[in-house]
Amino acid sequence: MDLESIQSYCRQKAGTTEDFPFGPDVMIFRVAGKMFAMVRLDISPLRINLKCDPLMAESLRQEFPAITPGYYMNKRHWNTVTLDGSIKENKILFLIDHSYELVYKSLPKATRIEIGQPKG
């Protein structure tokens, strides 16, 4: 999965914005100002940090060597996924969806109504 695919997929999610608050090498995707994905652009292969249910996070780390505790993040709630081709694209898209949904569901009801239903 390449950067353009990640950008396209994340951008289509309801209420999503992207910015570079940590400099030009770290792209952040947010919903209502809360981060759901962080992509490191200065490393090859690309790495994406995604929020994850803690039990699922542990299971994924055991199943996939390319999934590790979130770099620079709360390691209980975030995973770093190395996009080295070892994880199928549909699994990566599922993990992006899962991260987005965790953040979306944590938003106040009024904010969720304003944004609308999640897409994807």
Protein backbone atom coordinates (compact mmCIF):
# COMPACT_ATOMS: atom_id res chain seq x y z
CA MET A 1 0.00 0.00 0.00
CA ASP A 2 1.46 3.37 -0.97
CA LEU A 3 1.07 6.90 0.36
CA GLU A 4 -1.44 7.96 -2.28
CA SER A 5 -3.71 5.03 -1.42
CA ILE A 6 -3.57 5.84 2.29
CA GLN A 7 -4.28 9.52 1.68
CA SER A 8 -7.18 8.77 -0.63
CA TYR A 9 -8.71 6.26 1.77
CA CYS A 10 -8.37 8.45 4.87
CA ARG A 11 -9.56 11.63 3.14
CA GLN A 12 -12.88 10.05 2.14
CA LYS A 13 -13.85 9.42 5.77
CA ALA A 14 -16.47 11.83 7.15
CA GLY A 15 -15.02 14.85 8.94
CA THR A 16 -11.40 14.00 8.13
CA THR A 17 -8.69 16.63 7.91
CA GLU A 18 -4.96 16.21 7.45
CA ASP A 19 -2.11 18.36 8.66
CA PHE A 20 1.62 18.40 9.43
CA PRO A 21 1.91 19.68 13.03
CA PHE A 22 5.26 17.94 13.63
CA GLY A 23 6.96 19.09 10.43
CA PRO A 24 6.94 18.02 6.79
CA ASP A 25 7.77 14.36 7.49
CA VAL A 26 4.77 13.44 9.66
CA MET A 27 1.27 13.52 8.17
CA ILE A 28 -1.64 13.42 10.62
CA PHE A 29 -5.24 12.46 9.80
CA ARG A 30 -7.88 13.67 12.24
CA VAL A 31 -11.60 13.49 12.74
CA ALA A 32 -13.02 16.53 14.57
CA GLY A 33 -9.48 17.46 15.59
CA LYS A 34 -8.63 14.05 17.09
CA MET A 35 -5.92 11.98 15.48
CA PHE A 36 -6.73 8.55 14.05
CA ALA A 37 -3.68 8.03 11.82
CA MET A 38 -0.11 9.27 11.65
CA VAL A 39 2.10 8.52 8.64
CA ARG A 40 5.88 8.85 8.78
CA LEU A 41 7.03 10.10 5.38
CA ASP A 42 10.77 10.11 6.12
CA ILE A 43 11.14 6.34 6.51
CA SER A 44 11.06 3.59 3.92
CA PRO A 45 9.00 1.52 3.96
CA LEU A 46 6.23 3.83 5.14
CA ARG A 47 4.89 3.41 8.64
CA ILE A 48 1.44 4.35 9.86
CA ASN A 49 0.38 4.65 13.50
CA LEU A 50 -3.23 3.62 14.12
CA LYS A 51 -5.37 3.58 17.24
CA CYS A 52 -6.48 0.08 18.23
CA ASP A 53 -8.48 -1.72 20.87
CA PRO A 54 -5.83 -2.91 23.39
CA LEU A 55 -6.77 -6.60 23.19
CA MET A 56 -6.81 -6.53 19.41
CA ALA A 57 -3.52 -4.62 19.39
CA GLU A 58 -1.77 -7.38 21.32
CA SER A 59 -3.22 -10.06 19.09
CA LEU A 60 -2.15 -8.22 15.92
CA ARG A 61 1.39 -7.78 17.25
CA GLN A 62 1.65 -11.51 17.82
CA GLU A 63 0.25 -12.35 14.38
CA PHE A 64 2.15 -9.81 12.26
CA PRO A 65 5.85 -8.94 12.73
CA ALA A 66 5.17 -5.67 10.83
CA ILE A 67 2.81 -4.49 13.62
CA THR A 68 4.56 -3.18 16.70
CA PRO A 69 3.61 -1.01 19.70
CA GLY A 70 2.92 2.57 18.62
CA TYR A 71 6.15 4.51 18.15
CA TYR A 72 5.98 7.75 20.18
CA MET A 73 2.42 6.82 21.19
CA ASN A 74 0.56 5.19 24.06
CA LYS A 75 1.69 1.63 23.35
CA ARG A 76 -1.45 0.11 24.83
CA HIS A 77 -3.79 1.93 22.43
CA TRP A 78 -1.66 2.51 19.32
CA ASN A 79 0.12 0.27 16.82
CA THR A 80 2.76 1.12 14.26
CA VAL A 81 2.14 -0.74 11.01
CA THR A 82 5.13 -1.03 8.68
CA LEU A 83 3.89 -1.05 5.09
CA ASP A 84 6.44 -3.56 3.81
CA GLY A 85 3.99 -5.69 1.81
CA SER A 86 3.68 -8.40 4.44
CA ILE A 87 0.14 -7.37 5.42
CA LYS A 88 -2.63 -7.53 2.83
CA GLU A 89 -4.16 -4.22 1.78
CA ASN A 90 -7.65 -5.19 2.96
CA LYS A 91 -6.25 -5.79 6.47
CA ILE A 92 -4.57 -2.37 6.48
CA LEU A 93 -7.82 -0.74 5.35
CA PHE A 94 -9.65 -2.60 8.13
CA LEU A 95 -7.12 -1.26 10.67
CA ILE A 96 -7.58 2.30 9.37
CA ASP A 97 -11.36 1.87 9.65
CA HIS A 98 -11.02 0.50 13.18
CA SER A 99 -8.84 3.43 14.25
CA TYR A 100 -11.21 5.98 12.72
CA GLU A 101 -14.25 4.34 14.34
CA LEU A 102 -12.63 4.28 17.79
CA VAL A 103 -11.95 8.01 17.58
CA TYR A 104 -15.31 8.83 15.97
CA LYS A 105 -17.23 6.95 18.68
CA SER A 106 -15.37 8.89 21.38
CA LEU A 107 -16.62 12.23 20.02
CA PRO A 108 -19.53 14.03 21.65
CA LYS A 109 -22.88 13.11 20.14
CA ALA A 110 -23.42 16.61 18.77
CA THR A 111 -20.09 16.45 16.95
CA ARG A 112 -20.91 13.02 15.50
CA ILE A 113 -24.26 14.35 14.25
CA GLU A 114 -22.54 17.38 12.69
CA ILE A 115 -19.98 15.17 10.92
CA GLY A 116 -22.50 12.56 9.78
CA GLN A 117 -22.15 8.80 9.56
CA PRO A 118 -18.70 7.32 8.98
CA LYS A 119 -17.98 6.19 5.43
CA GLY A 120 -16.09 3.08 4.50
